[in-house]
Amino acid sequence: MERSFATGDGRRLSVQNTKRIANILRVLDDASCPEDVNLPGFRFDALVGRDKGRYAVNASGNWRITFRWTEGDAIEVDLEDYH
C-alpha cells in the first residue's frame, strides 16, 4: 500500500475501488489524530480485543484499512479482508 500511495498506482491492490483507497490514505496522511479520520462514509472504528489500540475505516466491500496511531502519525497501515 505504501508504494500505491507514493506512486498513485493502485493496480496491485486487492480491491476494485483504488481511488477510495487513495483518498483514505491522503486523509490518514493529513490527520493529526485518529478522530480526524472519522468522516462520513468511512465507518471509523476503534478496535477492541486483540486489536485494541488499532483503528479501522471501510475501504471497499469486506476490505478495511487498519492502522495504529503514535506521535501524530498513522503507523502499521494495512489493507485487511475482514471476512
N, C-alpha and C. Protein backbone atom coordinates (compact mmCIF):
# COMPACT_ATOMS: atom_id res chain seq x y z
N MET A 1 0.82 -1.18 0.00
CA MET A 1 0.00 0.00 0.00
C MET A 1 0.86 1.25 0.00
N GLU A 2 2.00 1.20 0.64
CA GLU A 2 2.88 2.36 0.67
C GLU A 2 3.29 2.77 -0.74
N ARG A 3 3.63 1.80 -1.55
CA ARG A 3 4.01 2.08 -2.94
C ARG A 3 2.84 2.68 -3.71
N SER A 4 1.66 2.15 -3.49
CA SER A 4 0.47 2.68 -4.15
C SER A 4 0.25 4.14 -3.79
N PHE A 5 0.43 4.47 -2.52
CA PHE A 5 0.24 5.85 -2.07
C PHE A 5 1.31 6.76 -2.68
N ALA A 6 2.55 6.30 -2.68
CA ALA A 6 3.65 7.11 -3.18
C ALA A 6 3.57 7.36 -4.68
N THR A 7 3.13 6.35 -5.43
CA THR A 7 3.13 6.47 -6.89
C THR A 7 1.76 6.78 -7.49
N GLY A 8 0.70 6.54 -6.71
CA GLY A 8 -0.64 6.72 -7.24
C GLY A 8 -1.10 5.54 -8.09
N ASP A 9 -0.32 4.47 -8.11
CA ASP A 9 -0.64 3.29 -8.90
C ASP A 9 -1.24 2.21 -8.01
N GLY A 10 -2.56 2.01 -8.10
CA GLY A 10 -3.24 1.04 -7.25
C GLY A 10 -3.50 -0.29 -7.91
N ARG A 11 -2.88 -0.57 -9.04
CA ARG A 11 -3.16 -1.81 -9.77
C ARG A 11 -2.85 -3.07 -8.98
N ARG A 12 -1.93 -3.02 -8.05
CA ARG A 12 -1.54 -4.23 -7.32
C ARG A 12 -2.35 -4.43 -6.04
N LEU A 13 -3.27 -3.52 -5.76
CA LEU A 13 -4.11 -3.67 -4.57
C LEU A 13 -5.20 -4.70 -4.84
N SER A 14 -5.69 -5.31 -3.78
CA SER A 14 -6.68 -6.39 -3.88
C SER A 14 -8.12 -5.89 -3.99
N VAL A 15 -8.34 -4.61 -4.05
CA VAL A 15 -9.69 -4.06 -4.09
C VAL A 15 -9.96 -3.39 -5.44
N GLN A 16 -11.23 -3.24 -5.75
CA GLN A 16 -11.60 -2.62 -7.02
C GLN A 16 -11.57 -1.10 -6.97
N ASN A 17 -11.95 -0.51 -5.85
CA ASN A 17 -12.07 0.94 -5.77
C ASN A 17 -10.78 1.56 -5.26
N THR A 18 -9.78 1.61 -6.10
CA THR A 18 -8.47 2.12 -5.68
C THR A 18 -8.48 3.63 -5.44
N LYS A 19 -9.40 4.35 -6.07
CA LYS A 19 -9.49 5.80 -5.82
C LYS A 19 -9.93 6.05 -4.38
N ARG A 20 -10.82 5.22 -3.87
CA ARG A 20 -11.25 5.36 -2.47
C ARG A 20 -10.07 5.08 -1.52
N ILE A 21 -9.29 4.06 -1.84
CA ILE A 21 -8.12 3.74 -1.03
C ILE A 21 -7.16 4.93 -1.01
N ALA A 22 -6.91 5.50 -2.17
CA ALA A 22 -6.02 6.66 -2.27
C ALA A 22 -6.55 7.83 -1.44
N ASN A 23 -7.87 8.04 -1.47
CA ASN A 23 -8.48 9.11 -0.68
C ASN A 23 -8.28 8.86 0.82
N ILE A 24 -8.52 7.64 1.26
CA ILE A 24 -8.35 7.30 2.67
C ILE A 24 -6.90 7.51 3.09
N LEU A 25 -5.96 7.10 2.26
CA LEU A 25 -4.55 7.26 2.59
C LEU A 25 -4.16 8.74 2.67
N ARG A 26 -4.73 9.57 1.81
CA ARG A 26 -4.47 11.01 1.89
C ARG A 26 -5.01 11.58 3.20
N VAL A 27 -6.22 11.15 3.58
CA VAL A 27 -6.81 11.62 4.84
C VAL A 27 -5.94 11.19 6.01
N LEU A 28 -5.47 9.94 6.01
CA LEU A 28 -4.58 9.47 7.06
C LEU A 28 -3.30 10.29 7.12
N ASP A 29 -2.74 10.61 5.98
CA ASP A 29 -1.51 11.39 5.92
C ASP A 29 -1.71 12.80 6.47
N ASP A 30 -2.87 13.38 6.24
CA ASP A 30 -3.16 14.75 6.69
C ASP A 30 -3.65 14.82 8.13
N ALA A 31 -4.12 13.72 8.69
CA ALA A 31 -4.73 13.71 10.02
C ALA A 31 -3.69 13.99 11.11
N SER A 32 -4.15 14.65 12.17
CA SER A 32 -3.27 14.90 13.32
C SER A 32 -3.65 14.04 14.52
N CYS A 33 -4.80 13.36 14.43
CA CYS A 33 -5.23 12.42 15.46
C CYS A 33 -6.18 11.42 14.81
N PRO A 34 -6.39 10.26 15.42
CA PRO A 34 -7.25 9.25 14.79
C PRO A 34 -8.65 9.75 14.48
N GLU A 35 -9.20 10.59 15.32
CA GLU A 35 -10.57 11.07 15.13
C GLU A 35 -10.72 11.93 13.88
N ASP A 36 -9.61 12.47 13.35
CA ASP A 36 -9.67 13.23 12.10
C ASP A 36 -10.08 12.34 10.92
N VAL A 37 -9.98 11.03 11.10
CA VAL A 37 -10.34 10.08 10.05
C VAL A 37 -11.81 9.67 10.17
N ASN A 38 -12.49 10.15 11.18
CA ASN A 38 -13.90 9.83 11.42
C ASN A 38 -14.77 10.71 10.53
N LEU A 39 -14.80 10.38 9.25
CA LEU A 39 -15.54 11.16 8.26
C LEU A 39 -16.76 10.37 7.78
N PRO A 40 -17.79 11.06 7.28
CA PRO A 40 -18.97 10.37 6.78
C PRO A 40 -18.59 9.33 5.71
N GLY A 41 -19.13 8.14 5.85
CA GLY A 41 -18.89 7.08 4.89
C GLY A 41 -17.66 6.23 5.17
N PHE A 42 -16.79 6.66 6.08
CA PHE A 42 -15.58 5.90 6.38
C PHE A 42 -15.82 4.78 7.38
N ARG A 43 -16.92 4.82 8.12
CA ARG A 43 -17.22 3.82 9.16
C ARG A 43 -16.02 3.61 10.08
N PHE A 44 -15.53 4.70 10.64
CA PHE A 44 -14.39 4.70 11.55
C PHE A 44 -14.71 3.91 12.81
N ASP A 45 -13.79 3.02 13.21
CA ASP A 45 -13.96 2.23 14.44
C ASP A 45 -12.66 2.18 15.20
N ALA A 46 -12.75 2.31 16.52
CA ALA A 46 -11.63 1.98 17.40
C ALA A 46 -11.79 0.49 17.71
N LEU A 47 -10.80 -0.30 17.38
CA LEU A 47 -10.91 -1.75 17.52
C LEU A 47 -10.72 -2.16 18.98
N VAL A 48 -11.23 -3.32 19.31
CA VAL A 48 -11.17 -3.84 20.68
C VAL A 48 -10.57 -5.25 20.67
N GLY A 49 -10.45 -5.83 21.84
CA GLY A 49 -9.92 -7.19 21.93
C GLY A 49 -8.45 -7.23 21.59
N ARG A 50 -8.06 -8.24 20.82
CA ARG A 50 -6.64 -8.40 20.48
C ARG A 50 -6.11 -7.26 19.63
N ASP A 51 -7.01 -6.50 18.99
CA ASP A 51 -6.61 -5.36 18.15
C ASP A 51 -6.77 -4.02 18.85
N LYS A 52 -6.94 -4.04 20.16
CA LYS A 52 -7.09 -2.79 20.91
C LYS A 52 -5.89 -1.89 20.64
N GLY A 53 -6.17 -0.61 20.42
CA GLY A 53 -5.12 0.33 20.08
C GLY A 53 -5.00 0.57 18.58
N ARG A 54 -5.75 -0.20 17.79
CA ARG A 54 -5.78 -0.01 16.34
C ARG A 54 -7.13 0.59 15.95
N TYR A 55 -7.18 1.16 14.78
CA TYR A 55 -8.39 1.77 14.25
C TYR A 55 -8.64 1.20 12.86
N ALA A 56 -9.88 1.35 12.39
CA ALA A 56 -10.23 0.83 11.07
C ALA A 56 -11.21 1.77 10.38
N VAL A 57 -11.12 1.82 9.06
CA VAL A 57 -12.11 2.53 8.24
C VAL A 57 -12.48 1.61 7.08
N ASN A 58 -13.70 1.76 6.59
CA ASN A 58 -14.19 0.95 5.49
C ASN A 58 -13.48 1.36 4.20
N ALA A 59 -12.95 0.37 3.50
CA ALA A 59 -12.25 0.66 2.24
C ALA A 59 -13.12 0.31 1.04
N SER A 60 -13.57 -0.96 0.97
CA SER A 60 -14.36 -1.41 -0.16
C SER A 60 -14.87 -2.80 0.14
N GLY A 61 -16.18 -2.98 0.15
CA GLY A 61 -16.75 -4.29 0.43
C GLY A 61 -16.29 -4.82 1.77
N ASN A 62 -15.64 -5.99 1.78
CA ASN A 62 -15.13 -6.59 3.02
C ASN A 62 -13.80 -5.99 3.46
N TRP A 63 -13.22 -5.15 2.67
CA TRP A 63 -11.89 -4.63 2.94
C TRP A 63 -11.93 -3.40 3.83
N ARG A 64 -11.01 -3.39 4.79
CA ARG A 64 -10.86 -2.26 5.71
C ARG A 64 -9.40 -1.85 5.74
N ILE A 65 -9.16 -0.58 5.95
CA ILE A 65 -7.81 -0.11 6.22
C ILE A 65 -7.68 0.01 7.73
N THR A 66 -6.71 -0.67 8.29
CA THR A 66 -6.47 -0.63 9.73
C THR A 66 -5.14 0.08 9.98
N PHE A 67 -5.05 0.69 11.16
CA PHE A 67 -3.83 1.42 11.48
C PHE A 67 -3.73 1.63 12.99
N ARG A 68 -2.54 1.92 13.42
CA ARG A 68 -2.25 2.29 14.80
C ARG A 68 -1.82 3.76 14.76
N TRP A 69 -1.96 4.44 15.86
CA TRP A 69 -1.62 5.86 15.90
C TRP A 69 -0.54 6.10 16.95
N THR A 70 0.50 6.83 16.58
CA THR A 70 1.53 7.19 17.53
C THR A 70 2.20 8.50 17.12
N GLU A 71 2.45 9.34 18.08
CA GLU A 71 3.17 10.60 17.88
C GLU A 71 2.66 11.39 16.68
N GLY A 72 1.35 11.47 16.53
CA GLY A 72 0.75 12.28 15.47
C GLY A 72 0.73 11.66 14.09
N ASP A 73 1.04 10.36 14.00
CA ASP A 73 1.07 9.70 12.69
C ASP A 73 0.39 8.35 12.72
N ALA A 74 -0.22 8.00 11.59
CA ALA A 74 -0.75 6.65 11.41
C ALA A 74 0.44 5.74 11.08
N ILE A 75 0.52 4.61 11.78
CA ILE A 75 1.58 3.64 11.52
C ILE A 75 0.95 2.27 11.34
N GLU A 76 1.72 1.32 10.88
CA GLU A 76 1.23 -0.04 10.68
C GLU A 76 -0.08 -0.04 9.88
N VAL A 77 -0.12 0.75 8.84
CA VAL A 77 -1.31 0.86 7.98
C VAL A 77 -1.38 -0.40 7.12
N ASP A 78 -2.57 -1.01 7.13
CA ASP A 78 -2.72 -2.29 6.42
C ASP A 78 -4.09 -2.35 5.76
N LEU A 79 -4.18 -3.06 4.67
CA LEU A 79 -5.44 -3.34 3.98
C LEU A 79 -5.81 -4.77 4.33
N GLU A 80 -6.94 -4.96 5.02
CA GLU A 80 -7.32 -6.28 5.52
C GLU A 80 -8.71 -6.67 5.05
N ASP A 81 -8.86 -7.95 4.74
CA ASP A 81 -10.16 -8.53 4.41
C ASP A 81 -10.77 -9.00 5.72
N TYR A 82 -11.86 -8.39 6.13
CA TYR A 82 -12.47 -8.69 7.42
C TYR A 82 -13.33 -9.94 7.41
N HIS A 83 -13.61 -10.53 6.25
CA HIS A 83 -14.48 -11.71 6.22
C HIS A 83 -13.83 -12.85 5.50
